[in-house]
Amino acid sequence: MAPIEQYPADRRPQVTVVGALTQALLAEVIANTVAAPIEARINGIDNLLYFNSVSSSSGNVTITVLFKPGSDPDINQVNVRTA
């Protein structure tokens, strides 16, 4: 078995989007009213691999957006921000 140093590091750029709806008491509400519209806008931006959303009953949502290795992290951030 090869030493771990021989494997390339995971260099997929990522952008994290954090949102909140303090009046939301159910994770489903935050998912439908905050996360879903953001996800719809993010879907299809250049170099996107995938994204993952986590909504909580405390009214918070975190969306982690992962991009193709080698893509420009600054451009990725601008694309997410302007989506």
PDB file of N, CA and C in Angstrom:
ATOM      1  N   MET A   1       0.845  -1.177   0.000  1.00  0.00           N
ATOM      2  CA  MET A   1       0.000   0.000   0.000  1.00  0.00           C
ATOM      3  C   MET A   1       0.893   1.244   0.000  1.00  0.00           C
ATOM      4  N   ALA A   2       0.523   2.229  -0.819  1.00  0.00           N
ATOM      5  CA  ALA A   2       1.315   3.448  -0.952  1.00  0.00           C
ATOM      6  C   ALA A   2       1.080   4.383   0.227  1.00  0.00           C
ATOM      7  N   PRO A   3       2.112   5.099   0.625  1.00  0.00           N
ATOM      8  CA  PRO A   3       1.925   6.086   1.703  1.00  0.00           C
ATOM      9  C   PRO A   3       0.952   7.183   1.272  1.00  0.00           C
ATOM     10  N   ILE A   4       0.267   7.744   2.226  1.00  0.00           N
ATOM     11  CA  ILE A   4      -0.745   8.776   1.948  1.00  0.00           C
ATOM     12  C   ILE A   4      -0.153   9.983   1.224  1.00  0.00           C
ATOM     13  N   GLU A   5       1.124  10.248   1.427  1.00  0.00           N
ATOM     14  CA  GLU A   5       1.770  11.403   0.793  1.00  0.00           C
ATOM     15  C   GLU A   5       1.786  11.283  -0.728  1.00  0.00           C
ATOM     16  N   GLN A   6       1.644  10.053  -1.261  1.00  0.00           N
ATOM     17  CA  GLN A   6       1.692   9.856  -2.696  1.00  0.00           C
ATOM     18  C   GLN A   6       0.374  10.207  -3.383  1.00  0.00           C
ATOM     19  N   TYR A   7      -0.686  10.359  -2.627  1.00  0.00           N
ATOM     20  CA  TYR A   7      -1.985  10.689  -3.208  1.00  0.00           C
ATOM     21  C   TYR A   7      -2.150  12.200  -3.258  1.00  0.00           C
ATOM     22  N   PRO A   8      -2.740  12.694  -4.331  1.00  0.00           N
ATOM     23  CA  PRO A   8      -2.920  14.153  -4.417  1.00  0.00           C
ATOM     24  C   PRO A   8      -3.930  14.646  -3.377  1.00  0.00           C
ATOM     25  N   ALA A   9      -3.698  15.856  -2.913  1.00  0.00           N
ATOM     26  CA  ALA A   9      -4.634  16.481  -1.966  1.00  0.00           C
ATOM     27  C   ALA A   9      -5.933  16.815  -2.697  1.00  0.00           C
ATOM     28  N   ASP A  10      -7.031  16.795  -1.975  1.00  0.00           N
ATOM     29  CA  ASP A  10      -8.322  17.175  -2.545  1.00  0.00           C
ATOM     30  C   ASP A  10      -8.325  18.693  -2.696  1.00  0.00           C
ATOM     31  N   ARG A  11      -8.294  19.155  -3.909  1.00  0.00           N
ATOM     32  CA  ARG A  11      -8.183  20.586  -4.173  1.00  0.00           C
ATOM     33  C   ARG A  11      -9.426  21.154  -4.856  1.00  0.00           C
ATOM     34  N   ARG A  12     -10.575  20.592  -4.513  1.00  0.00           N
ATOM     35  CA  ARG A  12     -11.807  21.132  -5.086  1.00  0.00           C
ATOM     36  C   ARG A  12     -12.141  22.430  -4.373  1.00  0.00           C
ATOM     37  N   PRO A  13     -12.180  23.543  -5.115  1.00  0.00           N
ATOM     38  CA  PRO A  13     -12.564  24.807  -4.488  1.00  0.00           C
ATOM     39  C   PRO A  13     -14.014  24.745  -4.007  1.00  0.00           C
ATOM     40  N   GLN A  14     -14.299  25.427  -2.932  1.00  0.00           N
ATOM     41  CA  GLN A  14     -15.674  25.462  -2.437  1.00  0.00           C
ATOM     42  C   GLN A  14     -16.019  26.848  -1.926  1.00  0.00           C
ATOM     43  N   VAL A  15     -17.312  27.137  -1.969  1.00  0.00           N
ATOM     44  CA  VAL A  15     -17.867  28.378  -1.441  1.00  0.00           C
ATOM     45  C   VAL A  15     -18.987  27.977  -0.495  1.00  0.00           C
ATOM     46  N   THR A  16     -19.060  28.621   0.654  1.00  0.00           N
ATOM     47  CA  THR A  16     -20.111  28.331   1.618  1.00  0.00           C
ATOM     48  C   THR A  16     -21.041  29.534   1.724  1.00  0.00           C
ATOM     49  N   VAL A  17     -22.335  29.255   1.602  1.00  0.00           N
ATOM     50  CA  VAL A  17     -23.368  30.277   1.730  1.00  0.00           C
ATOM     51  C   VAL A  17     -24.114  30.002   3.036  1.00  0.00           C
ATOM     52  N   VAL A  18     -24.260  31.029   3.865  1.00  0.00           N
ATOM     53  CA  VAL A  18     -24.959  30.875   5.140  1.00  0.00           C
ATOM     54  C   VAL A  18     -26.126  31.859   5.146  1.00  0.00           C
ATOM     55  N   GLY A  19     -27.297  31.355   5.534  1.00  0.00           N
ATOM     56  CA  GLY A  19     -28.480  32.204   5.607  1.00  0.00           C
ATOM     57  C   GLY A  19     -29.264  31.911   6.866  1.00  0.00           C
ATOM     58  N   ALA A  20     -30.193  32.802   7.182  1.00  0.00           N
ATOM     59  CA  ALA A  20     -31.005  32.616   8.385  1.00  0.00           C
ATOM     60  C   ALA A  20     -32.379  33.228   8.185  1.00  0.00           C
ATOM     61  N   LEU A  21     -33.340  32.611   8.819  1.00  0.00           N
ATOM     62  CA  LEU A  21     -34.707  33.114   8.898  1.00  0.00           C
ATOM     63  C   LEU A  21     -35.116  32.902  10.344  1.00  0.00           C
ATOM     64  N   THR A  22     -34.942  33.918  11.155  1.00  0.00           N
ATOM     65  CA  THR A  22     -35.086  33.756  12.600  1.00  0.00           C
ATOM     66  C   THR A  22     -36.496  33.369  13.027  1.00  0.00           C
ATOM     67  N   GLN A  23     -37.492  33.635  12.197  1.00  0.00           N
ATOM     68  CA  GLN A  23     -38.864  33.282  12.551  1.00  0.00           C
ATOM     69  C   GLN A  23     -39.187  31.814  12.271  1.00  0.00           C
ATOM     70  N   ALA A  24     -38.303  31.111  11.562  1.00  0.00           N
ATOM     71  CA  ALA A  24     -38.581  29.725  11.179  1.00  0.00           C
ATOM     72  C   ALA A  24     -38.404  28.798  12.374  1.00  0.00           C
ATOM     73  N   LEU A  25     -39.408  27.990  12.612  1.00  0.00           N
ATOM     74  CA  LEU A  25     -39.358  27.032  13.708  1.00  0.00           C
ATOM     75  C   LEU A  25     -39.131  25.606  13.224  1.00  0.00           C
ATOM     76  N   LEU A  26     -39.236  25.387  11.937  1.00  0.00           N
ATOM     77  CA  LEU A  26     -39.045  24.060  11.371  1.00  0.00           C
ATOM     78  C   LEU A  26     -37.961  24.115  10.295  1.00  0.00           C
ATOM     79  N   ALA A  27     -37.118  23.096  10.265  1.00  0.00           N
ATOM     80  CA  ALA A  27     -36.074  23.026   9.246  1.00  0.00           C
ATOM     81  C   ALA A  27     -36.688  23.017   7.850  1.00  0.00           C
ATOM     82  N   GLU A  28     -37.865  22.410   7.720  1.00  0.00           N
ATOM     83  CA  GLU A  28     -38.541  22.367   6.426  1.00  0.00           C
ATOM     84  C   GLU A  28     -38.885  23.775   5.930  1.00  0.00           C
ATOM     85  N   VAL A  29     -39.273  24.655   6.833  1.00  0.00           N
ATOM     86  CA  VAL A  29     -39.610  26.032   6.449  1.00  0.00           C
ATOM     87  C   VAL A  29     -38.379  26.749   5.923  1.00  0.00           C
ATOM     88  N   ILE A  30     -37.255  26.643   6.630  1.00  0.00           N
ATOM     89  CA  ILE A  30     -36.024  27.297   6.176  1.00  0.00           C
ATOM     90  C   ILE A  30     -35.550  26.683   4.860  1.00  0.00           C
ATOM     91  N   ALA A  31     -35.715  25.369   4.712  1.00  0.00           N
ATOM     92  CA  ALA A  31     -35.314  24.710   3.468  1.00  0.00           C
ATOM     93  C   ALA A  31     -36.134  25.217   2.294  1.00  0.00           C
ATOM     94  N   ASN A  32     -37.428  25.396   2.485  1.00  0.00           N
ATOM     95  CA  ASN A  32     -38.307  25.811   1.390  1.00  0.00           C
ATOM     96  C   ASN A  32     -38.246  27.300   1.088  1.00  0.00           C
ATOM     97  N   THR A  33     -38.071  28.129   2.109  1.00  0.00           N
ATOM     98  CA  THR A  33     -38.142  29.575   1.897  1.00  0.00           C
ATOM     99  C   THR A  33     -36.799  30.255   1.698  1.00  0.00           C
ATOM    100  N   VAL A  34     -35.718  29.635   2.182  1.00  0.00           N
ATOM    101  CA  VAL A  34     -34.385  30.241   2.036  1.00  0.00           C
ATOM    102  C   VAL A  34     -33.496  29.377   1.136  1.00  0.00           C
ATOM    103  N   ALA A  35     -33.326  28.117   1.491  1.00  0.00           N
ATOM    104  CA  ALA A  35     -32.387  27.257   0.762  1.00  0.00           C
ATOM    105  C   ALA A  35     -32.816  27.002  -0.680  1.00  0.00           C
ATOM    106  N   ALA A  36     -34.063  26.627  -0.901  1.00  0.00           N
ATOM    107  CA  ALA A  36     -34.515  26.255  -2.248  1.00  0.00           C
ATOM    108  C   ALA A  36     -34.328  27.373  -3.277  1.00  0.00           C
ATOM    109  N   PRO A  37     -34.701  28.614  -2.967  1.00  0.00           N
ATOM    110  CA  PRO A  37     -34.472  29.675  -3.963  1.00  0.00           C
ATOM    111  C   PRO A  37     -32.984  29.909  -4.256  1.00  0.00           C
ATOM    112  N   ILE A  38     -32.133  29.807  -3.232  1.00  0.00           N
ATOM    113  CA  ILE A  38     -30.692  29.975  -3.451  1.00  0.00           C
ATOM    114  C   ILE A  38     -30.160  28.824  -4.295  1.00  0.00           C
ATOM    115  N   GLU A  39     -30.574  27.602  -3.977  1.00  0.00           N
ATOM    116  CA  GLU A  39     -30.145  26.428  -4.740  1.00  0.00           C
ATOM    117  C   GLU A  39     -30.542  26.549  -6.206  1.00  0.00           C
ATOM    118  N   ALA A  40     -31.737  27.034  -6.463  1.00  0.00           N
ATOM    119  CA  ALA A  40     -32.210  27.177  -7.843  1.00  0.00           C
ATOM    120  C   ALA A  40     -31.329  28.148  -8.624  1.00  0.00           C
ATOM    121  N   ARG A  41     -30.847  29.178  -7.957  1.00  0.00           N
ATOM    122  CA  ARG A  41     -29.991  30.165  -8.628  1.00  0.00           C
ATOM    123  C   ARG A  41     -28.573  29.643  -8.814  1.00  0.00           C
ATOM    124  N   ILE A  42     -28.089  28.857  -7.843  1.00  0.00           N
ATOM    125  CA  ILE A  42     -26.728  28.318  -7.913  1.00  0.00           C
ATOM    126  C   ILE A  42     -26.622  27.224  -8.974  1.00  0.00           C
ATOM    127  N   ASN A  43     -27.660  26.429  -9.114  1.00  0.00           N
ATOM    128  CA  ASN A  43     -27.632  25.298 -10.031  1.00  0.00           C
ATOM    129  C   ASN A  43     -27.270  25.751 -11.442  1.00  0.00           C
ATOM    130  N   GLY A  44     -26.224  25.161 -12.000  1.00  0.00           N
ATOM    131  CA  GLY A  44     -25.844  25.464 -13.370  1.00  0.00           C
ATOM    132  C   GLY A  44     -24.757  26.501 -13.538  1.00  0.00           C
ATOM    133  N   ILE A  45     -24.219  27.063 -12.454  1.00  0.00           N
ATOM    134  CA  ILE A  45     -23.142  28.039 -12.642  1.00  0.00           C
ATOM    135  C   ILE A  45     -21.882  27.323 -13.120  1.00  0.00           C
ATOM    136  N   ASP A  46     -20.998  28.053 -13.749  1.00  0.00           N
ATOM    137  CA  ASP A  46     -19.793  27.489 -14.350  1.00  0.00           C
ATOM    138  C   ASP A  46     -18.955  26.723 -13.336  1.00  0.00           C
ATOM    139  N   ASN A  47     -18.448  25.579 -13.756  1.00  0.00           N
ATOM    140  CA  ASN A  47     -17.530  24.727 -13.002  1.00  0.00           C
ATOM    141  C   ASN A  47     -18.137  24.081 -11.762  1.00  0.00           C
ATOM    142  N   LEU A  48     -19.442  24.144 -11.599  1.00  0.00           N
ATOM    143  CA  LEU A  48     -20.109  23.532 -10.447  1.00  0.00           C
ATOM    144  C   LEU A  48     -20.016  22.013 -10.536  1.00  0.00           C
ATOM    145  N   LEU A  49     -19.595  21.372  -9.441  1.00  0.00           N
ATOM    146  CA  LEU A  49     -19.658  19.919  -9.334  1.00  0.00           C
ATOM    147  C   LEU A  49     -20.953  19.529  -8.645  1.00  0.00           C
ATOM    148  N   TYR A  50     -21.144  20.029  -7.445  1.00  0.00           N
ATOM    149  CA  TYR A  50     -22.372  19.768  -6.704  1.00  0.00           C
ATOM    150  C   TYR A  50     -22.457  20.705  -5.511  1.00  0.00           C
ATOM    151  N   PHE A  51     -23.626  20.721  -4.882  1.00  0.00           N
ATOM    152  CA  PHE A  51     -23.786  21.490  -3.657  1.00  0.00           C
ATOM    153  C   PHE A  51     -24.583  20.674  -2.663  1.00  0.00           C
ATOM    154  N   ASN A  52     -24.442  21.037  -1.396  1.00  0.00           N
ATOM    155  CA  ASN A  52     -25.125  20.345  -0.312  1.00  0.00           C
ATOM    156  C   ASN A  52     -25.703  21.385   0.633  1.00  0.00           C
ATOM    157  N   SER A  53     -26.961  21.202   1.013  1.00  0.00           N
ATOM    158  CA  SER A  53     -27.623  22.137   1.927  1.00  0.00           C
ATOM    159  C   SER A  53     -27.969  21.444   3.231  1.00  0.00           C
ATOM    160  N   VAL A  54     -27.832  22.195   4.315  1.00  0.00           N
ATOM    161  CA  VAL A  54     -28.245  21.719   5.631  1.00  0.00           C
ATOM    162  C   VAL A  54     -29.075  22.828   6.267  1.00  0.00           C
ATOM    163  N   SER A  55     -30.325  22.507   6.590  1.00  0.00           N
ATOM    164  CA  SER A  55     -31.223  23.465   7.242  1.00  0.00           C
ATOM    165  C   SER A  55     -31.509  22.974   8.654  1.00  0.00           C
ATOM    166  N   SER A  56     -31.666  23.917   9.574  1.00  0.00           N
ATOM    167  CA  SER A  56     -31.911  23.526  10.968  1.00  0.00           C
ATOM    168  C   SER A  56     -33.153  24.210  11.501  1.00  0.00           C
ATOM    169  N   SER A  57     -33.683  23.655  12.572  1.00  0.00           N
ATOM    170  CA  SER A  57     -34.870  24.230  13.195  1.00  0.00           C
ATOM    171  C   SER A  57     -34.558  25.522  13.925  1.00  0.00           C
ATOM    172  N   SER A  58     -33.281  25.887  14.038  1.00  0.00           N
ATOM    173  CA  SER A  58     -32.922  27.170  14.647  1.00  0.00           C
ATOM    174  C   SER A  58     -33.009  28.310  13.630  1.00  0.00           C
ATOM    175  N   GLY A  59     -33.400  27.981  12.387  1.00  0.00           N
ATOM    176  CA  GLY A  59     -33.584  29.007  11.365  1.00  0.00           C
ATOM    177  C   GLY A  59     -32.367  29.246  10.501  1.00  0.00           C
ATOM    178  N   ASN A  60     -31.371  28.385  10.569  1.00  0.00           N
ATOM    179  CA  ASN A  60     -30.148  28.561   9.799  1.00  0.00           C
ATOM    180  C   ASN A  60     -30.083  27.592   8.634  1.00  0.00           C
ATOM    181  N   VAL A  61     -29.408  28.023   7.577  1.00  0.00           N
ATOM    182  CA  VAL A  61     -29.132  27.155   6.438  1.00  0.00           C
ATOM    183  C   VAL A  61     -27.684  27.374   6.024  1.00  0.00           C
ATOM    184  N   THR A  62     -27.011  26.280   5.695  1.00  0.00           N
ATOM    185  CA  THR A  62     -25.652  26.334   5.174  1.00  0.00           C
ATOM    186  C   THR A  62     -25.633  25.553   3.868  1.00  0.00           C
ATOM    187  N   ILE A  63     -25.182  26.215   2.813  1.00  0.00           N
ATOM    188  CA  ILE A  63     -25.079  25.581   1.503  1.00  0.00           C
ATOM    189  C   ILE A  63     -23.600  25.574   1.132  1.00  0.00           C
ATOM    190  N   THR A  64     -23.052  24.377   0.946  1.00  0.00           N
ATOM    191  CA  THR A  64     -21.663  24.229   0.537  1.00  0.00           C
ATOM    192  C   THR A  64     -21.655  23.901  -0.945  1.00  0.00           C
ATOM    193  N   VAL A  65     -20.969  24.736  -1.721  1.00  0.00           N
ATOM    194  CA  VAL A  65     -20.930  24.600  -3.174  1.00  0.00           C
ATOM    195  C   VAL A  65     -19.515  24.164  -3.562  1.00  0.00           C
ATOM    196  N   LEU A  66     -19.377  23.017  -4.207  1.00  0.00           N
ATOM    197  CA  LEU A  66     -18.072  22.505  -4.623  1.00  0.00           C
ATOM    198  C   LEU A  66     -17.910  22.634  -6.128  1.00  0.00           C
ATOM    199  N   PHE A  67     -16.682  22.995  -6.519  1.00  0.00           N
ATOM    200  CA  PHE A  67     -16.363  23.269  -7.910  1.00  0.00           C
ATOM    201  C   PHE A  67     -15.298  22.324  -8.431  1.00  0.00           C
ATOM    202  N   LYS A  68     -15.147  22.285  -9.742  1.00  0.00           N
ATOM    203  CA  LYS A  68     -14.154  21.442 -10.397  1.00  0.00           C
ATOM    204  C   LYS A  68     -12.754  21.838  -9.941  1.00  0.00           C
ATOM    205  N   PRO A  69     -11.884  20.845  -9.725  1.00  0.00           N
ATOM    206  CA  PRO A  69     -10.497  21.156  -9.387  1.00  0.00           C
ATOM    207  C   PRO A  69      -9.878  22.025 -10.476  1.00  0.00           C
ATOM    208  N   GLY A  70      -9.076  22.973 -10.053  1.00  0.00           N
ATOM    209  CA  GLY A  70      -8.405  23.863 -10.993  1.00  0.00           C
ATOM    210  C   GLY A  70      -9.210  25.089 -11.361  1.00  0.00           C
ATOM    211  N   SER A  71     -10.494  25.135 -10.987  1.00  0.00           N
ATOM    212  CA  SER A  71     -11.282  26.338 -11.281  1.00  0.00           C
ATOM    213  C   SER A  71     -10.836  27.461 -10.349  1.00  0.00           C
ATOM    214  N   ASP A  72     -11.036  28.669 -10.789  1.00  0.00           N
ATOM    215  CA  ASP A  72     -10.580  29.848 -10.046  1.00  0.00           C
ATOM    216  C   ASP A  72     -11.506  30.111  -8.857  1.00  0.00           C
ATOM    217  N   PRO A  73     -10.999  30.008  -7.621  1.00  0.00           N
ATOM    218  CA  PRO A  73     -11.845  30.217  -6.441  1.00  0.00           C
ATOM    219  C   PRO A  73     -12.470  31.608  -6.379  1.00  0.00           C
ATOM    220  N   ASP A  74     -11.746  32.610  -6.850  1.00  0.00           N
ATOM    221  CA  ASP A  74     -12.293  33.971  -6.828  1.00  0.00           C
ATOM    222  C   ASP A  74     -13.468  34.110  -7.794  1.00  0.00           C
ATOM    223  N   ILE A  75     -13.320  33.551  -8.970  1.00  0.00           N
ATOM    224  CA  ILE A  75     -14.406  33.582  -9.956  1.00  0.00           C
ATOM    225  C   ILE A  75     -15.592  32.763  -9.438  1.00  0.00           C
ATOM    226  N   ASN A  76     -15.306  31.611  -8.824  1.00  0.00           N
ATOM    227  CA  ASN A  76     -16.383  30.792  -8.271  1.00  0.00           C
ATOM    228  C   ASN A  76     -17.186  31.577  -7.237  1.00  0.00           C
ATOM    229  N   GLN A  77     -16.487  32.291  -6.379  1.00  0.00           N
ATOM    230  CA  GLN A  77     -17.167  33.079  -5.346  1.00  0.00           C
ATOM    231  C   GLN A  77     -18.029  34.173  -5.963  1.00  0.00           C
ATOM    232  N   VAL A  78     -17.515  34.835  -6.964  1.00  0.00           N
ATOM    233  CA  VAL A  78     -18.289  35.875  -7.666  1.00  0.00           C
ATOM    234  C   VAL A  78     -19.506  35.253  -8.330  1.00  0.00           C
ATOM    235  N   ASN A  79     -19.335  34.101  -8.965  1.00  0.00           N
ATOM    236  CA  ASN A  79     -20.469  33.445  -9.631  1.00  0.00           C
ATOM    237  C   ASN A  79     -21.555  33.047  -8.642  1.00  0.00           C
ATOM    238  N   VAL A  80     -21.177  32.573  -7.463  1.00  0.00           N
ATOM    239  CA  VAL A  80     -22.172  32.230  -6.450  1.00  0.00           C
ATOM    240  C   VAL A  80     -22.849  33.492  -5.948  1.00  0.00           C
ATOM    241  N   ARG A  81     -22.086  34.512  -5.673  1.00  0.00           N
ATOM    242  CA  ARG A  81     -22.629  35.762  -5.138  1.00  0.00           C
ATOM    243  C   ARG A  81     -23.605  36.420  -6.098  1.00  0.00           C
ATOM    244  N   THR A  82     -23.323  36.336  -7.396  1.00  0.00           N
ATOM    245  CA  THR A  82     -24.168  37.018  -8.380  1.00  0.00           C
ATOM    246  C   THR A  82     -25.234  36.111  -8.992  1.00  0.00           C
ATOM    247  N   ALA A  83     -25.277  34.867  -8.572  1.00  0.00           N
ATOM    248  CA  ALA A  83     -26.260  33.925  -9.131  1.00  0.00           C
ATOM    249  C   ALA A  83     -27.672  34.349  -8.786  1.00  0.00           C
TER     250      ALA A  83
END
